[in-house]
């Protein structure tokens, strides 16, 4: 089963995502960059309010006569994810990330060698602590981001024991990861991830309407990461 990750930027969008039963809720501020962090206060609000939100949703949802909710999916507590920024600036906020967050991501812009990428991952893993999993990020438009190609990132992540990788776009100019990489390269990324027993997520101007085309081209990410198709404003 393919997961769905929805990116939000504030408390209002977070509450809507929780109410909709989204499995993975990711926090980032798209107006400031591909993986720009939201204000840390929003992280803390989400971490502190998740249990209260779930209790409220459970109490207000219709139930069958036997007590089972009409939509059991909404009773599952979502996993929280945070964008921390790019390789040059993530350290400014990482110490404020609540332990309740399951995943964290750092953009690899400016990282041009495998050694530099490994150093970034090692430093970040030490800072975020054992309760939060670092997700390896590759940019589909790697030339514009001045970083390693997506295939290199996936291969290196597999060698380093990562469990999850994400493909995103660095430049938010309307071009999707699919347009930058093409289906053949996406299939290659999928093979690399499978060989390394990694799950991989596809982001970068991905619209729900494109899922059929990906299936037709035998591209099967483990997770679709979206924002524009589910949020009213960007």
Protein backbone atom coordinates (compact mmCIF):
# COMPACT_ATOMS: atom_id res chain seq x y z
CA UNK A 1 0.00 0.00 0.00
CA UNK A 2 1.36 3.42 -1.00
CA UNK A 3 1.50 6.03 1.75
CA UNK A 4 0.47 9.66 1.43
CA UNK A 5 2.46 12.50 2.92
CA UNK A 6 0.86 15.94 3.00
CA UNK A 7 2.90 19.07 3.65
CA UNK A 8 1.45 21.81 5.85
CA UNK A 9 2.74 25.20 6.92
CA UNK A 10 0.68 26.22 9.96
CA UNK A 11 -1.62 25.04 12.75
CA UNK A 12 -4.77 25.41 10.66
CA UNK A 13 -3.50 23.19 7.85
CA UNK A 14 -2.17 20.73 10.43
CA UNK A 15 -5.58 20.36 12.06
CA UNK A 16 -7.22 19.85 8.66
CA UNK A 17 -4.70 17.13 7.79
CA UNK A 18 -5.27 15.37 11.12
CA UNK A 19 -9.04 15.52 10.63
CA UNK A 20 -8.66 14.07 7.13
CA UNK A 21 -6.77 11.06 8.48
CA UNK A 22 -3.49 11.82 6.68
CA UNK A 23 -0.87 9.24 7.66
CA UNK A 24 2.25 11.42 7.46
CA UNK A 25 2.08 15.17 8.06
CA UNK A 26 5.13 17.15 7.01
CA UNK A 27 5.92 20.70 8.09
CA UNK A 28 7.65 23.09 5.72
CA UNK A 29 7.34 26.70 4.54
CA UNK A 30 7.19 26.63 0.72
CA UNK A 31 7.48 30.40 0.33
CA UNK A 32 11.06 30.30 1.67
CA UNK A 33 12.51 27.34 -0.19
CA UNK A 34 12.13 23.70 -1.08
CA UNK A 35 12.70 22.40 2.45
CA UNK A 36 12.51 25.58 4.51
CA UNK A 37 11.38 25.00 8.10
CA UNK A 38 8.25 26.45 9.63
CA UNK A 39 8.72 28.47 12.83
CA UNK A 40 9.67 25.99 15.58
CA UNK A 41 6.68 27.16 17.62
CA UNK A 42 4.47 25.38 15.08
CA UNK A 43 6.42 22.15 15.61
CA UNK A 44 5.85 22.39 19.34
CA UNK A 45 2.19 23.23 18.92
CA UNK A 46 1.72 20.14 16.77
CA UNK A 47 3.64 17.88 19.14
CA UNK A 48 1.71 19.09 22.16
CA UNK A 49 -1.67 19.20 20.47
CA UNK A 50 -1.68 15.92 18.57
CA UNK A 51 -3.19 13.89 21.39
CA UNK A 52 -5.81 16.53 22.12
CA UNK A 53 -6.68 16.76 18.42
CA UNK A 54 -7.06 13.01 18.15
CA UNK A 55 -9.31 12.85 21.23
CA UNK A 56 -11.52 15.60 19.84
CA UNK A 57 -11.79 13.95 16.45
CA UNK A 58 -12.61 10.59 18.00
CA UNK A 59 -15.34 12.11 20.14
CA UNK A 60 -17.02 13.94 17.26
CA UNK A 61 -16.92 11.24 14.56
CA UNK A 62 -20.06 9.16 13.92
CA UNK A 63 -19.95 5.57 15.12
CA UNK A 64 -21.81 2.41 14.27
CA UNK A 65 -24.15 0.88 16.82
CA UNK A 66 -21.37 -1.45 17.98
CA UNK A 67 -19.12 1.52 18.76
CA UNK A 68 -16.82 1.13 15.74
CA UNK A 69 -16.21 4.46 13.96
CA UNK A 70 -17.48 4.92 10.39
CA UNK A 71 -13.94 5.86 9.33
CA UNK A 72 -11.38 3.96 11.46
CA UNK A 73 -8.48 5.57 9.54
CA UNK A 74 -9.00 8.88 11.33
CA UNK A 75 -8.29 7.20 14.68
CA UNK A 76 -4.69 6.48 13.70
CA UNK A 77 -2.28 9.05 15.05
CA UNK A 78 -0.30 10.59 12.17
CA UNK A 79 3.45 10.47 11.91
CA UNK A 80 5.09 13.90 12.06
CA UNK A 81 7.85 15.03 9.72
CA UNK A 82 9.86 18.26 9.60
CA UNK A 83 11.91 20.00 6.95
CA UNK A 84 14.94 21.54 8.64
CA UNK A 85 16.27 23.60 5.75
CA UNK A 86 19.27 23.19 3.48
CA UNK A 87 22.76 21.88 4.16
CA UNK A 88 24.00 25.39 4.90
CA UNK A 89 21.42 26.39 7.51
CA UNK A 90 19.73 23.40 9.19
CA UNK A 91 21.78 23.77 12.37
CA UNK A 92 19.96 27.00 13.23
CA UNK A 93 16.75 25.13 14.09
CA UNK A 94 17.56 21.47 14.69
CA UNK A 95 17.91 21.83 18.46
CA UNK A 96 14.28 23.00 18.65
CA UNK A 97 12.78 19.94 16.93
CA UNK A 98 10.50 18.09 19.38
CA UNK A 99 11.28 14.45 20.08
CA UNK A 100 7.72 13.59 19.02
CA UNK A 101 8.66 14.06 15.37
CA UNK A 102 9.26 10.79 13.57
CA UNK A 103 11.15 12.11 10.52
CA UNK A 104 13.42 15.00 9.58
CA UNK A 105 14.76 16.12 6.20
CA UNK A 106 17.60 18.36 5.09
CA UNK A 107 18.04 19.64 1.54
CA UNK A 108 21.36 18.66 -0.08
CA UNK A 109 21.89 21.86 -2.09
CA UNK A 110 25.55 22.71 -2.43
CA UNK A 111 26.68 19.18 -1.52
CA UNK A 112 28.82 18.06 -4.47
CA UNK A 113 30.74 15.04 -3.16
CA UNK A 114 29.80 11.77 -1.46
CA UNK A 115 32.16 12.59 1.40
CA UNK A 116 30.39 15.89 2.06
CA UNK A 117 27.01 14.17 1.93
CA UNK A 118 28.09 11.54 4.43
CA UNK A 119 29.41 14.24 6.74
CA UNK A 120 26.08 16.10 6.55
CA UNK A 121 24.12 12.96 7.36
CA UNK A 122 26.40 12.00 10.24
CA UNK A 123 26.23 15.46 11.80
CA UNK A 124 22.46 15.68 11.40
CA UNK A 125 21.84 12.20 12.82
CA UNK A 126 23.80 13.08 15.94
CA UNK A 127 21.85 16.32 16.41
CA UNK A 128 18.31 15.05 15.91
CA UNK A 129 18.72 12.17 18.33
CA UNK A 130 17.53 8.55 18.36
CA UNK A 131 13.77 9.16 18.30
CA UNK A 132 13.72 10.96 14.94
CA UNK A 133 14.67 9.25 11.69
CA UNK A 134 16.71 11.22 9.15
CA UNK A 135 15.37 10.84 5.60
CA UNK A 136 17.88 11.14 2.76
CA UNK A 137 16.84 13.80 0.24
CA UNK A 138 17.72 13.95 -3.45
CA UNK A 139 16.87 16.84 -5.74
CA UNK A 140 15.50 15.98 -9.17
CA UNK A 141 16.95 19.25 -10.50
CA UNK A 142 20.37 18.53 -9.04
CA UNK A 143 22.25 20.82 -11.44
CA UNK A 144 20.25 23.84 -10.28
CA UNK A 145 20.76 22.80 -6.66
CA UNK A 146 24.48 22.21 -7.27
CA UNK A 147 24.39 18.82 -5.61
CA UNK A 148 24.80 15.13 -6.31
CA UNK A 149 22.47 13.51 -8.84
CA UNK A 150 19.48 11.67 -7.44
CA UNK A 151 20.91 8.26 -8.37
CA UNK A 152 24.11 9.04 -6.46
CA UNK A 153 22.17 10.10 -3.38
CA UNK A 154 20.02 6.97 -3.42
CA UNK A 155 23.02 4.69 -3.90
CA UNK A 156 24.96 6.39 -1.13
CA UNK A 157 21.96 6.35 1.21
CA UNK A 158 21.59 2.62 0.68
CA UNK A 159 25.27 2.09 1.46
CA UNK A 160 24.89 4.16 4.63
CA UNK A 161 21.94 2.14 5.88
CA UNK A 162 19.14 4.65 5.36
CA UNK A 163 15.62 3.30 5.53
CA UNK A 164 13.94 6.11 3.56
CA UNK A 165 14.74 8.44 0.66
CA UNK A 166 12.83 11.36 -0.81
CA UNK A 167 12.99 12.89 -4.29
CA UNK A 168 11.96 16.56 -4.43
CA UNK A 169 12.58 19.62 -6.57
CA UNK A 170 14.87 22.42 -5.44
CA UNK A 171 13.46 25.11 -7.72
CA UNK A 172 9.72 25.61 -7.40
CA UNK A 173 9.18 26.79 -10.97
CA UNK A 174 6.26 24.52 -11.82
CA UNK A 175 8.37 21.70 -13.27
CA UNK A 176 7.84 18.41 -11.50
CA UNK A 177 10.30 15.74 -10.49
CA UNK A 178 8.85 13.64 -13.31
CA UNK A 179 9.70 16.33 -15.86
CA UNK A 180 13.23 16.72 -14.53
CA UNK A 181 14.05 13.02 -14.26
CA UNK A 182 11.82 11.19 -16.72
CA UNK A 183 10.32 7.77 -16.14
CA UNK A 184 13.45 5.74 -16.87
CA UNK A 185 15.48 7.51 -14.19
CA UNK A 186 12.58 7.17 -11.76
CA UNK A 187 12.53 3.44 -12.43
CA UNK A 188 16.27 3.37 -11.74
CA UNK A 189 15.73 5.12 -8.41
CA UNK A 190 13.07 2.59 -7.55
CA UNK A 191 15.43 -0.29 -8.32
CA UNK A 192 18.21 1.24 -6.21
CA UNK A 193 15.83 1.69 -3.30
CA UNK A 194 14.47 -1.84 -3.59
CA UNK A 195 17.96 -3.35 -3.73
CA UNK A 196 18.86 -1.44 -0.55
CA UNK A 197 15.56 -2.30 1.19
CA UNK A 198 14.72 1.41 1.37
CA UNK A 199 11.34 3.02 1.05
CA UNK A 200 11.25 6.01 -1.26
CA UNK A 201 8.92 8.97 -1.58
CA UNK A 202 8.18 11.07 -4.64
CA UNK A 203 7.61 14.81 -4.19
CA UNK A 204 8.16 17.89 -6.31
CA UNK A 205 4.96 19.30 -7.85
CA UNK A 206 3.35 15.87 -7.86
CA UNK A 207 -0.35 16.02 -8.58
CA UNK A 208 -2.78 13.29 -7.70
CA UNK A 209 -3.82 13.18 -11.35
CA UNK A 210 -0.31 12.01 -12.35
CA UNK A 211 -0.46 8.81 -10.31
CA UNK A 212 -2.07 6.87 -13.17
CA UNK A 213 0.72 7.86 -15.54
CA UNK A 214 3.34 6.72 -13.04
CA UNK A 215 1.62 3.37 -12.63
CA UNK A 216 1.42 2.99 -16.42
CA UNK A 217 5.19 3.58 -16.59
CA UNK A 218 5.88 1.04 -13.81
CA UNK A 219 7.01 3.66 -11.32
CA UNK A 220 5.85 2.68 -7.84
CA UNK A 221 7.03 4.95 -5.03
CA UNK A 222 6.27 3.82 -1.50
CA UNK A 223 4.87 7.26 -0.70
CA UNK A 224 3.50 10.24 -2.60
CA UNK A 225 4.34 13.61 -1.05
CA UNK A 226 1.93 16.37 -2.05
CA UNK A 227 0.82 19.84 -1.13
CA UNK A 228 -0.69 21.76 -4.04
CA UNK A 229 -3.42 19.22 -4.74
CA UNK A 230 -4.75 19.19 -1.21
CA UNK A 231 -4.14 22.70 0.18
CA UNK A 232 -6.24 25.65 -0.91
CA UNK A 233 -3.36 28.11 -1.01
CA UNK A 234 0.41 27.87 -1.44
